[in-house]
């Protein structure tokens, strides 16, 4: 499962509303 890796990466990257993933 690569989900764990993705979550780890996202956690390290600052989530910005500009990314379009703000929901």
Protein backbone atom coordinates (compact mmCIF):
# COMPACT_ATOMS: atom_id res chain seq x y z
CA UNK A 1 0.00 0.00 0.00
CA UNK A 2 1.54 3.28 -1.10
CA UNK A 3 -1.08 5.27 0.81
CA UNK A 4 1.12 5.37 3.90
CA UNK A 5 3.91 6.99 1.89
CA UNK A 6 1.59 9.55 0.33
CA UNK A 7 0.24 10.56 3.73
CA UNK A 8 3.76 10.93 5.06
CA UNK A 9 4.72 13.17 2.16
CA UNK A 10 1.60 15.30 2.48
CA UNK A 11 2.20 15.63 6.22
CA UNK A 12 5.64 17.08 5.48
CA UNK A 13 4.30 19.42 2.79
CA UNK A 14 2.32 22.46 3.95
CA UNK A 15 -1.26 22.11 2.72
CA UNK A 16 -2.25 25.29 0.88
CA UNK A 17 -5.78 26.24 -0.20
CA UNK A 18 -4.33 27.06 -3.62
CA UNK A 19 -3.53 23.40 -4.19
CA UNK A 20 -7.23 22.84 -4.81
CA UNK A 21 -7.43 20.14 -2.14
CA UNK A 22 -9.01 22.44 0.44
CA UNK A 23 -12.37 20.84 -0.19
